[in-house]
Amino acid sequence: MPDFFFHLTNGTPIKDDRPTHCGTIEEAKALASALAAELGRNRSSTEIDHLAISVTDEHGTELFKTQLVNLQRTAKADEITDAARHQTSGRRADEQEG
C-alpha cells in the first residue's frame, strides 16, 4: 500500500510527518477532500482562502492539491439562492394567473 503525506499549506507547508496508507491515489484524493472540508468547517472564506491540502508521495513529490472548503456555508448559500429562485418563479406564475 502506498504512503501519502497530507500537508496543510498556504504557500509554506506545515509538513505531515506521519505517512497515511491508502490503497490508491483515488483513495488519497477522497481523504484529502474530506480533510479539506473538515478543516474548512465553520470558517469564513477569508480564513481559508489561501489554505490547501497538498498530497505528496513518500519521496516528497506533490501528487495533487485541494483547497480548503466550507461545504456548510456553500450549502446554505445554495439553499438561500434556490429558495429565492423558487419564490421569484412562484410570483411570476401567480402574476400570470391573475
PDB file of N, CA and C in Angstrom:
ATOM      1  N   MET A   1       0.845  -1.180   0.000  1.00  0.00           N
ATOM      2  CA  MET A   1       0.000   0.000   0.000  1.00  0.00           C
ATOM      3  C   MET A   1       0.892   1.246   0.000  1.00  0.00           C
ATOM      4  N   PRO A   2       0.613   2.188  -0.907  1.00  0.00           N
ATOM      5  CA  PRO A   2       1.445   3.397  -0.962  1.00  0.00           C
ATOM      6  C   PRO A   2       1.246   4.289   0.264  1.00  0.00           C
ATOM      7  N   ASP A   3       2.310   5.018   0.600  1.00  0.00           N
ATOM      8  CA  ASP A   3       2.262   6.008   1.671  1.00  0.00           C
ATOM      9  C   ASP A   3       2.037   7.387   1.068  1.00  0.00           C
ATOM     10  N   PHE A   4       1.165   8.145   1.704  1.00  0.00           N
ATOM     11  CA  PHE A   4       0.885   9.509   1.276  1.00  0.00           C
ATOM     12  C   PHE A   4       1.031  10.429   2.484  1.00  0.00           C
ATOM     13  N   PHE A   5       1.411  11.678   2.211  1.00  0.00           N
ATOM     14  CA  PHE A   5       1.524  12.684   3.254  1.00  0.00           C
ATOM     15  C   PHE A   5       0.581  13.825   2.896  1.00  0.00           C
ATOM     16  N   PHE A   6      -0.144  14.326   3.887  1.00  0.00           N
ATOM     17  CA  PHE A   6      -1.163  15.356   3.693  1.00  0.00           C
ATOM     18  C   PHE A   6      -0.703  16.625   4.421  1.00  0.00           C
ATOM     19  N   HIS A   7      -0.117  17.547   3.663  1.00  0.00           N
ATOM     20  CA  HIS A   7       0.440  18.777   4.225  1.00  0.00           C
ATOM     21  C   HIS A   7      -0.580  19.912   4.111  1.00  0.00           C
ATOM     22  N   LEU A   8      -0.700  20.702   5.159  1.00  0.00           N
ATOM     23  CA  LEU A   8      -1.509  21.915   5.117  1.00  0.00           C
ATOM     24  C   LEU A   8      -0.606  23.017   4.595  1.00  0.00           C
ATOM     25  N   THR A   9      -1.073  23.783   3.617  1.00  0.00           N
ATOM     26  CA  THR A   9      -0.206  24.804   3.040  1.00  0.00           C
ATOM     27  C   THR A   9      -0.966  26.089   2.727  1.00  0.00           C
ATOM     28  N   ASN A  10      -0.278  27.187   2.889  1.00  0.00           N
ATOM     29  CA  ASN A  10      -0.758  28.490   2.422  1.00  0.00           C
ATOM     30  C   ASN A  10       0.351  29.101   1.578  1.00  0.00           C
ATOM     31  N   GLY A  11       1.109  28.258   0.943  1.00  0.00           N
ATOM     32  CA  GLY A  11       2.314  28.647   0.212  1.00  0.00           C
ATOM     33  C   GLY A  11       3.526  28.051   0.901  1.00  0.00           C
ATOM     34  N   THR A  12       3.503  28.086   2.223  1.00  0.00           N
ATOM     35  CA  THR A  12       4.526  27.447   3.038  1.00  0.00           C
ATOM     36  C   THR A  12       3.871  26.272   3.744  1.00  0.00           C
ATOM     37  N   PRO A  13       4.326  25.044   3.459  1.00  0.00           N
ATOM     38  CA  PRO A  13       3.617  23.886   4.018  1.00  0.00           C
ATOM     39  C   PRO A  13       3.896  23.646   5.499  1.00  0.00           C
ATOM     40  N   ILE A  14       2.868  23.177   6.179  1.00  0.00           N
ATOM     41  CA  ILE A  14       3.021  22.601   7.511  1.00  0.00           C
ATOM     42  C   ILE A  14       3.097  21.113   7.250  1.00  0.00           C
ATOM     43  N   LYS A  15       4.296  20.563   7.418  1.00  0.00           N
ATOM     44  CA  LYS A  15       4.577  19.201   6.983  1.00  0.00           C
ATOM     45  C   LYS A  15       3.892  18.153   7.842  1.00  0.00           C
ATOM     46  N   ASP A  16       3.321  17.178   7.158  1.00  0.00           N
ATOM     47  CA  ASP A  16       2.782  15.969   7.775  1.00  0.00           C
ATOM     48  C   ASP A  16       3.958  15.001   7.878  1.00  0.00           C
ATOM     49  N   ASP A  17       4.320  14.604   9.088  1.00  0.00           N
ATOM     50  CA  ASP A  17       5.491  13.743   9.242  1.00  0.00           C
ATOM     51  C   ASP A  17       5.137  12.267   9.447  1.00  0.00           C
ATOM     52  N   ARG A  18       3.828  11.955   9.419  1.00  0.00           N
ATOM     53  CA  ARG A  18       3.403  10.559   9.568  1.00  0.00           C
ATOM     54  C   ARG A  18       2.677  10.122   8.301  1.00  0.00           C
ATOM     55  N   PRO A  19       3.158   9.072   7.669  1.00  0.00           N
ATOM     56  CA  PRO A  19       2.514   8.631   6.435  1.00  0.00           C
ATOM     57  C   PRO A  19       1.132   8.049   6.689  1.00  0.00           C
ATOM     58  N   THR A  20       0.270   8.212   5.691  1.00  0.00           N
ATOM     59  CA  THR A  20      -1.055   7.607   5.705  1.00  0.00           C
ATOM     60  C   THR A  20      -1.085   6.603   4.562  1.00  0.00           C
ATOM     61  N   HIS A  21      -1.498   5.386   4.869  1.00  0.00           N
ATOM     62  CA  HIS A  21      -1.569   4.336   3.857  1.00  0.00           C
ATOM     63  C   HIS A  21      -2.926   4.407   3.153  1.00  0.00           C
ATOM     64  N   CYS A  22      -2.877   4.510   1.849  1.00  0.00           N
ATOM     65  CA  CYS A  22      -4.080   4.480   1.028  1.00  0.00           C
ATOM     66  C   CYS A  22      -3.841   3.462  -0.082  1.00  0.00           C
ATOM     67  N   GLY A  23      -4.875   2.737  -0.435  1.00  0.00           N
ATOM     68  CA  GLY A  23      -4.735   1.706  -1.460  1.00  0.00           C
ATOM     69  C   GLY A  23      -4.428   2.268  -2.836  1.00  0.00           C
ATOM     70  N   THR A  24      -5.029   3.428  -3.160  1.00  0.00           N
ATOM     71  CA  THR A  24      -4.851   4.038  -4.475  1.00  0.00           C
ATOM     72  C   THR A  24      -4.760   5.544  -4.326  1.00  0.00           C
ATOM     73  N   ILE A  25      -4.367   6.182  -5.404  1.00  0.00           N
ATOM     74  CA  ILE A  25      -4.333   7.645  -5.398  1.00  0.00           C
ATOM     75  C   ILE A  25      -5.747   8.208  -5.291  1.00  0.00           C
ATOM     76  N   GLU A  26      -6.738   7.487  -5.824  1.00  0.00           N
ATOM     77  CA  GLU A  26      -8.134   7.932  -5.711  1.00  0.00           C
ATOM     78  C   GLU A  26      -8.574   7.954  -4.244  1.00  0.00           C
ATOM     79  N   GLU A  27      -8.148   6.969  -3.462  1.00  0.00           N
ATOM     80  CA  GLU A  27      -8.464   6.965  -2.027  1.00  0.00           C
ATOM     81  C   GLU A  27      -7.790   8.142  -1.340  1.00  0.00           C
ATOM     82  N   ALA A  28      -6.563   8.455  -1.734  1.00  0.00           N
ATOM     83  CA  ALA A  28      -5.850   9.598  -1.163  1.00  0.00           C
ATOM     84  C   ALA A  28      -6.564  10.902  -1.507  1.00  0.00           C
ATOM     85  N   LYS A  29      -7.071  11.015  -2.745  1.00  0.00           N
ATOM     86  CA  LYS A  29      -7.819  12.209  -3.147  1.00  0.00           C
ATOM     87  C   LYS A  29      -9.100  12.351  -2.333  1.00  0.00           C
ATOM     88  N   ALA A  30      -9.789  11.242  -2.118  1.00  0.00           N
ATOM     89  CA  ALA A  30     -11.026  11.277  -1.324  1.00  0.00           C
ATOM     90  C   ALA A  30     -10.729  11.706   0.109  1.00  0.00           C
ATOM     91  N   LEU A  31      -9.656  11.174   0.677  1.00  0.00           N
ATOM     92  CA  LEU A  31      -9.274  11.549   2.038  1.00  0.00           C
ATOM     93  C   LEU A  31      -8.887  13.021   2.098  1.00  0.00           C
ATOM     94  N   ALA A  32      -8.143  13.507   1.107  1.00  0.00           N
ATOM     95  CA  ALA A  32      -7.753  14.921   1.070  1.00  0.00           C
ATOM     96  C   ALA A  32      -8.985  15.821   0.993  1.00  0.00           C
ATOM     97  N   SER A  33      -9.976  15.430   0.196  1.00  0.00           N
ATOM     98  CA  SER A  33     -11.215  16.212   0.086  1.00  0.00           C
ATOM     99  C   SER A  33     -11.955  16.246   1.411  1.00  0.00           C
ATOM    100  N   ALA A  34     -11.995  15.110   2.104  1.00  0.00           N
ATOM    101  CA  ALA A  34     -12.655  15.053   3.413  1.00  0.00           C
ATOM    102  C   ALA A  34     -11.906  15.923   4.420  1.00  0.00           C
ATOM    103  N   LEU A  35     -10.593  15.872   4.405  1.00  0.00           N
ATOM    104  CA  LEU A  35      -9.796  16.711   5.305  1.00  0.00           C
ATOM    105  C   LEU A  35     -10.016  18.191   5.002  1.00  0.00           C
ATOM    106  N   ALA A  36     -10.037  18.541   3.725  1.00  0.00           N
ATOM    107  CA  ALA A  36     -10.239  19.941   3.326  1.00  0.00           C
ATOM    108  C   ALA A  36     -11.592  20.455   3.813  1.00  0.00           C
ATOM    109  N   ALA A  37     -12.611  19.613   3.726  1.00  0.00           N
ATOM    110  CA  ALA A  37     -13.943  20.008   4.199  1.00  0.00           C
ATOM    111  C   ALA A  37     -13.976  20.119   5.715  1.00  0.00           C
ATOM    112  N   GLU A  38     -13.338  19.183   6.397  1.00  0.00           N
ATOM    113  CA  GLU A  38     -13.339  19.210   7.867  1.00  0.00           C
ATOM    114  C   GLU A  38     -12.570  20.418   8.401  1.00  0.00           C
ATOM    115  N   LEU A  39     -11.402  20.691   7.821  1.00  0.00           N
ATOM    116  CA  LEU A  39     -10.605  21.833   8.278  1.00  0.00           C
ATOM    117  C   LEU A  39     -11.269  23.162   7.932  1.00  0.00           C
ATOM    118  N   GLY A  40     -12.063  23.188   6.870  1.00  0.00           N
ATOM    119  CA  GLY A  40     -12.742  24.417   6.469  1.00  0.00           C
ATOM    120  C   GLY A  40     -14.063  24.651   7.162  1.00  0.00           C
ATOM    121  N   ARG A  41     -14.540  23.644   7.888  1.00  0.00           N
ATOM    122  CA  ARG A  41     -15.851  23.748   8.540  1.00  0.00           C
ATOM    123  C   ARG A  41     -15.904  24.929   9.504  1.00  0.00           C
ATOM    124  N   ASN A  42     -17.008  25.664   9.426  1.00  0.00           N
ATOM    125  CA  ASN A  42     -17.285  26.791  10.324  1.00  0.00           C
ATOM    126  C   ASN A  42     -16.239  27.899  10.259  1.00  0.00           C
ATOM    127  N   ARG A  43     -15.560  28.007   9.135  1.00  0.00           N
ATOM    128  CA  ARG A  43     -14.589  29.083   8.958  1.00  0.00           C
ATOM    129  C   ARG A  43     -15.034  29.944   7.770  1.00  0.00           C
ATOM    130  N   SER A  44     -14.768  31.220   7.868  1.00  0.00           N
ATOM    131  CA  SER A  44     -15.149  32.119   6.778  1.00  0.00           C
ATOM    132  C   SER A  44     -14.234  31.895   5.577  1.00  0.00           C
ATOM    133  N   SER A  45     -14.702  32.320   4.425  1.00  0.00           N
ATOM    134  CA  SER A  45     -13.907  32.153   3.210  1.00  0.00           C
ATOM    135  C   SER A  45     -12.593  32.919   3.292  1.00  0.00           C
ATOM    136  N   THR A  46     -12.565  34.039   4.006  1.00  0.00           N
ATOM    137  CA  THR A  46     -11.308  34.785   4.134  1.00  0.00           C
ATOM    138  C   THR A  46     -10.299  34.024   4.986  1.00  0.00           C
ATOM    139  N   GLU A  47     -10.767  33.246   5.949  1.00  0.00           N
ATOM    140  CA  GLU A  47      -9.861  32.450   6.776  1.00  0.00           C
ATOM    141  C   GLU A  47      -9.221  31.312   5.998  1.00  0.00           C
ATOM    142  N   ILE A  48      -9.946  30.741   5.056  1.00  0.00           N
ATOM    143  CA  ILE A  48      -9.454  29.548   4.365  1.00  0.00           C
ATOM    144  C   ILE A  48      -9.077  29.807   2.910  1.00  0.00           C
ATOM    145  N   ASP A  49      -9.169  31.054   2.482  1.00  0.00           N
ATOM    146  CA  ASP A  49      -8.969  31.411   1.078  1.00  0.00           C
ATOM    147  C   ASP A  49      -7.653  30.886   0.497  1.00  0.00           C
ATOM    148  N   HIS A  50      -6.572  30.957   1.241  1.00  0.00           N
ATOM    149  CA  HIS A  50      -5.254  30.574   0.710  1.00  0.00           C
ATOM    150  C   HIS A  50      -4.759  29.248   1.278  1.00  0.00           C
ATOM    151  N   LEU A  51      -5.633  28.502   1.942  1.00  0.00           N
ATOM    152  CA  LEU A  51      -5.221  27.235   2.545  1.00  0.00           C
ATOM    153  C   LEU A  51      -5.579  26.061   1.641  1.00  0.00           C
ATOM    154  N   ALA A  52      -4.694  25.068   1.624  1.00  0.00           N
ATOM    155  CA  ALA A  52      -4.920  23.881   0.804  1.00  0.00           C
ATOM    156  C   ALA A  52      -4.269  22.679   1.475  1.00  0.00           C
ATOM    157  N   ILE A  53      -4.701  21.513   1.051  1.00  0.00           N
ATOM    158  CA  ILE A  53      -4.057  20.260   1.431  1.00  0.00           C
ATOM    159  C   ILE A  53      -3.218  19.832   0.231  1.00  0.00           C
ATOM    160  N   SER A  54      -1.935  19.693   0.447  1.00  0.00           N
ATOM    161  CA  SER A  54      -1.022  19.228  -0.589  1.00  0.00           C
ATOM    162  C   SER A  54      -0.677  17.780  -0.277  1.00  0.00           C
ATOM    163  N   VAL A  55      -0.916  16.895  -1.222  1.00  0.00           N
ATOM    164  CA  VAL A  55      -0.659  15.470  -1.010  1.00  0.00           C
ATOM    165  C   VAL A  55       0.601  15.080  -1.769  1.00  0.00           C
ATOM    166  N   THR A  56       1.530  14.485  -1.039  1.00  0.00           N
ATOM    167  CA  THR A  56       2.792  14.053  -1.643  1.00  0.00           C
ATOM    168  C   THR A  56       2.990  12.557  -1.433  1.00  0.00           C
ATOM    169  N   ASP A  57       3.866  12.005  -2.261  1.00  0.00           N
ATOM    170  CA  ASP A  57       4.240  10.602  -2.067  1.00  0.00           C
ATOM    171  C   ASP A  57       5.391  10.527  -1.076  1.00  0.00           C
ATOM    172  N   GLU A  58       5.912   9.321  -0.849  1.00  0.00           N
ATOM    173  CA  GLU A  58       6.980   9.133   0.139  1.00  0.00           C
ATOM    174  C   GLU A  58       8.285   9.814  -0.264  1.00  0.00           C
ATOM    175  N   HIS A  59       8.412  10.230  -1.528  1.00  0.00           N
ATOM    176  CA  HIS A  59       9.612  10.926  -1.999  1.00  0.00           C
ATOM    177  C   HIS A  59       9.474  12.439  -1.928  1.00  0.00           C
ATOM    178  N   GLY A  60       8.299  12.920  -1.524  1.00  0.00           N
ATOM    179  CA  GLY A  60       8.064  14.357  -1.424  1.00  0.00           C
ATOM    180  C   GLY A  60       7.521  14.985  -2.691  1.00  0.00           C
ATOM    181  N   THR A  61       7.215  14.171  -3.686  1.00  0.00           N
ATOM    182  CA  THR A  61       6.646  14.676  -4.941  1.00  0.00           C
ATOM    183  C   THR A  61       5.169  14.990  -4.743  1.00  0.00           C
ATOM    184  N   GLU A  62       4.785  16.234  -5.043  1.00  0.00           N
ATOM    185  CA  GLU A  62       3.377  16.606  -4.909  1.00  0.00           C
ATOM    186  C   GLU A  62       2.559  15.913  -5.996  1.00  0.00           C
ATOM    187  N   LEU A  63       1.527  15.199  -5.566  1.00  0.00           N
ATOM    188  CA  LEU A  63       0.665  14.473  -6.486  1.00  0.00           C
ATOM    189  C   LEU A  63      -0.554  15.290  -6.869  1.00  0.00           C
ATOM    190  N   PHE A  64      -1.080  16.033  -5.911  1.00  0.00           N
ATOM    191  CA  PHE A  64      -2.202  16.932  -6.168  1.00  0.00           C
ATOM    192  C   PHE A  64      -2.406  17.823  -4.961  1.00  0.00           C
ATOM    193  N   LYS A  65      -3.255  18.832  -5.155  1.00  0.00           N
ATOM    194  CA  LYS A  65      -3.560  19.804  -4.095  1.00  0.00           C
ATOM    195  C   LYS A  65      -5.048  20.097  -4.159  1.00  0.00           C
ATOM    196  N   THR A  66      -5.668  20.266  -2.991  1.00  0.00           N
ATOM    197  CA  THR A  66      -7.083  20.626  -2.937  1.00  0.00           C
ATOM    198  C   THR A  66      -7.278  21.755  -1.929  1.00  0.00           C
ATOM    199  N   GLN A  67      -8.038  22.767  -2.345  1.00  0.00           N
ATOM    200  CA  GLN A  67      -8.309  23.926  -1.492  1.00  0.00           C
ATOM    201  C   GLN A  67      -9.226  23.539  -0.336  1.00  0.00           C
ATOM    202  N   LEU A  68      -9.056  24.207   0.816  1.00  0.00           N
ATOM    203  CA  LEU A  68      -9.999  24.033   1.909  1.00  0.00           C
ATOM    204  C   LEU A  68     -11.330  24.643   1.493  1.00  0.00           C
ATOM    205  N   VAL A  69     -12.403  24.017   1.907  1.00  0.00           N
ATOM    206  CA  VAL A  69     -13.742  24.487   1.568  1.00  0.00           C
ATOM    207  C   VAL A  69     -14.623  24.449   2.807  1.00  0.00           C
ATOM    208  N   ASN A  70     -15.637  25.283   2.795  1.00  0.00           N
ATOM    209  CA  ASN A  70     -16.631  25.238   3.845  1.00  0.00           C
ATOM    210  C   ASN A  70     -17.935  24.816   3.190  1.00  0.00           C
ATOM    211  N   LEU A  71     -18.175  23.517   3.165  1.00  0.00           N
ATOM    212  CA  LEU A  71     -19.357  22.992   2.500  1.00  0.00           C
ATOM    213  C   LEU A  71     -20.637  23.421   3.199  1.00  0.00           C
ATOM    214  N   GLN A  72     -20.579  23.617   4.508  1.00  0.00           N
ATOM    215  CA  GLN A  72     -21.780  24.059   5.221  1.00  0.00           C
ATOM    216  C   GLN A  72     -22.216  25.431   4.745  1.00  0.00           C
ATOM    217  N   ARG A  73     -21.290  26.352   4.630  1.00  0.00           N
ATOM    218  CA  ARG A  73     -21.638  27.698   4.168  1.00  0.00           C
ATOM    219  C   ARG A  73     -22.090  27.660   2.716  1.00  0.00           C
ATOM    220  N   THR A  74     -21.419  26.879   1.894  1.00  0.00           N
ATOM    221  CA  THR A  74     -21.790  26.780   0.489  1.00  0.00           C
ATOM    222  C   THR A  74     -23.192  26.206   0.354  1.00  0.00           C
ATOM    223  N   ALA A  75     -23.467  25.140   1.095  1.00  0.00           N
ATOM    224  CA  ALA A  75     -24.798  24.533   1.022  1.00  0.00           C
ATOM    225  C   ALA A  75     -25.859  25.532   1.455  1.00  0.00           C
ATOM    226  N   LYS A  76     -25.595  26.267   2.507  1.00  0.00           N
ATOM    227  CA  LYS A  76     -26.551  27.257   2.988  1.00  0.00           C
ATOM    228  C   LYS A  76     -26.780  28.326   1.924  1.00  0.00           C
ATOM    229  N   ALA A  77     -25.715  28.770   1.290  1.00  0.00           N
ATOM    230  CA  ALA A  77     -25.849  29.777   0.235  1.00  0.00           C
ATOM    231  C   ALA A  77     -26.676  29.225  -0.917  1.00  0.00           C
ATOM    232  N   ASP A  78     -26.437  27.963  -1.273  1.00  0.00           N
ATOM    233  CA  ASP A  78     -27.206  27.341  -2.350  1.00  0.00           C
ATOM    234  C   ASP A  78     -28.677  27.226  -1.969  1.00  0.00           C
ATOM    235  N   GLU A  79     -28.970  26.896  -0.709  1.00  0.00           N
ATOM    236  CA  GLU A  79     -30.355  26.800  -0.252  1.00  0.00           C
ATOM    237  C   GLU A  79     -31.054  28.154  -0.354  1.00  0.00           C
ATOM    238  N   ILE A  80     -30.354  29.199   0.051  1.00  0.00           N
ATOM    239  CA  ILE A  80     -30.929  30.544   0.003  1.00  0.00           C
ATOM    240  C   ILE A  80     -31.193  30.953  -1.442  1.00  0.00           C
ATOM    241  N   THR A  81     -30.221  30.676  -2.323  1.00  0.00           N
ATOM    242  CA  THR A  81     -30.385  31.007  -3.739  1.00  0.00           C
ATOM    243  C   THR A  81     -31.549  30.245  -4.351  1.00  0.00           C
ATOM    244  N   ASP A  82     -31.616  28.943  -4.062  1.00  0.00           N
ATOM    245  CA  ASP A  82     -32.717  28.127  -4.588  1.00  0.00           C
ATOM    246  C   ASP A  82     -34.061  28.614  -4.070  1.00  0.00           C
ATOM    247  N   ALA A  83     -34.129  28.958  -2.787  1.00  0.00           N
ATOM    248  CA  ALA A  83     -35.382  29.451  -2.212  1.00  0.00           C
ATOM    249  C   ALA A  83     -35.785  30.762  -2.873  1.00  0.00           C
ATOM    250  N   ALA A  84     -34.814  31.636  -3.101  1.00  0.00           N
ATOM    251  CA  ALA A  84     -35.109  32.921  -3.743  1.00  0.00           C
ATOM    252  C   ALA A  84     -35.609  32.705  -5.165  1.00  0.00           C
ATOM    253  N   ARG A  85     -34.995  31.783  -5.880  1.00  0.00           N
ATOM    254  CA  ARG A  85     -35.442  31.496  -7.247  1.00  0.00           C
ATOM    255  C   ARG A  85     -36.847  30.916  -7.246  1.00  0.00           C
ATOM    256  N   HIS A  86     -37.130  30.044  -6.292  1.00  0.00           N
ATOM    257  CA  HIS A  86     -38.443  29.432  -6.199  1.00  0.00           C
ATOM    258  C   HIS A  86     -39.508  30.493  -5.914  1.00  0.00           C
ATOM    259  N   GLN A  87     -39.191  31.401  -4.983  1.00  0.00           N
ATOM    260  CA  GLN A  87     -40.142  32.464  -4.659  1.00  0.00           C
ATOM    261  C   GLN A  87     -40.391  33.347  -5.870  1.00  0.00           C
ATOM    262  N   THR A  88     -39.329  33.670  -6.603  1.00  0.00           N
ATOM    263  CA  THR A  88     -39.463  34.524  -7.783  1.00  0.00           C
ATOM    264  C   THR A  88     -40.289  33.833  -8.850  1.00  0.00           C
ATOM    265  N   SER A  89     -40.003  32.555  -9.104  1.00  0.00           N
ATOM    266  CA  SER A  89     -40.767  31.842 -10.127  1.00  0.00           C
ATOM    267  C   SER A  89     -42.205  31.631  -9.670  1.00  0.00           C
ATOM    268  N   GLY A  90     -42.431  31.466  -8.375  1.00  0.00           N
ATOM    269  CA  GLY A  90     -43.786  31.338  -7.846  1.00  0.00           C
ATOM    270  C   GLY A  90     -44.571  32.619  -8.029  1.00  0.00           C
ATOM    271  N   ARG A  91     -43.914  33.758  -7.813  1.00  0.00           N
ATOM    272  CA  ARG A  91     -44.578  35.053  -8.012  1.00  0.00           C
ATOM    273  C   ARG A  91     -44.923  35.260  -9.469  1.00  0.00           C
ATOM    274  N   ARG A  92     -44.024  34.884 -10.351  1.00  0.00           N
ATOM    275  CA  ARG A  92     -44.297  35.047 -11.786  1.00  0.00           C
ATOM    276  C   ARG A  92     -45.494  34.200 -12.201  1.00  0.00           C
ATOM    277  N   ALA A  93     -45.585  32.987 -11.679  1.00  0.00           N
ATOM    278  CA  ALA A  93     -46.719  32.125 -12.015  1.00  0.00           C
ATOM    279  C   ALA A  93     -48.015  32.743 -11.497  1.00  0.00           C
ATOM    280  N   ASP A  94     -47.966  33.323 -10.257  1.00  0.00           N
ATOM    281  CA  ASP A  94     -49.139  33.967  -9.692  1.00  0.00           C
ATOM    282  C   ASP A  94     -49.545  35.179 -10.518  1.00  0.00           C
ATOM    283  N   GLU A  95     -48.543  35.957 -10.978  1.00  0.00           N
ATOM    284  CA  GLU A  95     -48.830  37.146 -11.775  1.00  0.00           C
ATOM    285  C   GLU A  95     -49.460  36.768 -13.113  1.00  0.00           C
ATOM    286  N   GLN A  96     -48.987  35.657 -13.704  1.00  0.00           N
ATOM    287  CA  GLN A  96     -49.518  35.245 -14.980  1.00  0.00           C
ATOM    288  C   GLN A  96     -50.957  34.756 -14.847  1.00  0.00           C
ATOM    289  N   GLU A  97     -51.262  34.105 -13.720  1.00  0.00           N
ATOM    290  CA  GLU A  97     -52.613  33.605 -13.497  1.00  0.00           C
ATOM    291  C   GLU A  97     -53.597  34.731 -13.225  1.00  0.00           C
ATOM    292  N   GLY A  98     -53.145  35.788 -12.519  1.00  0.00           N
ATOM    293  CA  GLY A  98     -54.046  36.867 -12.093  1.00  0.00           C
ATOM    294  C   GLY A  98     -54.208  37.966 -13.043  1.00  0.00           C
TER     295      GLY A  98
END
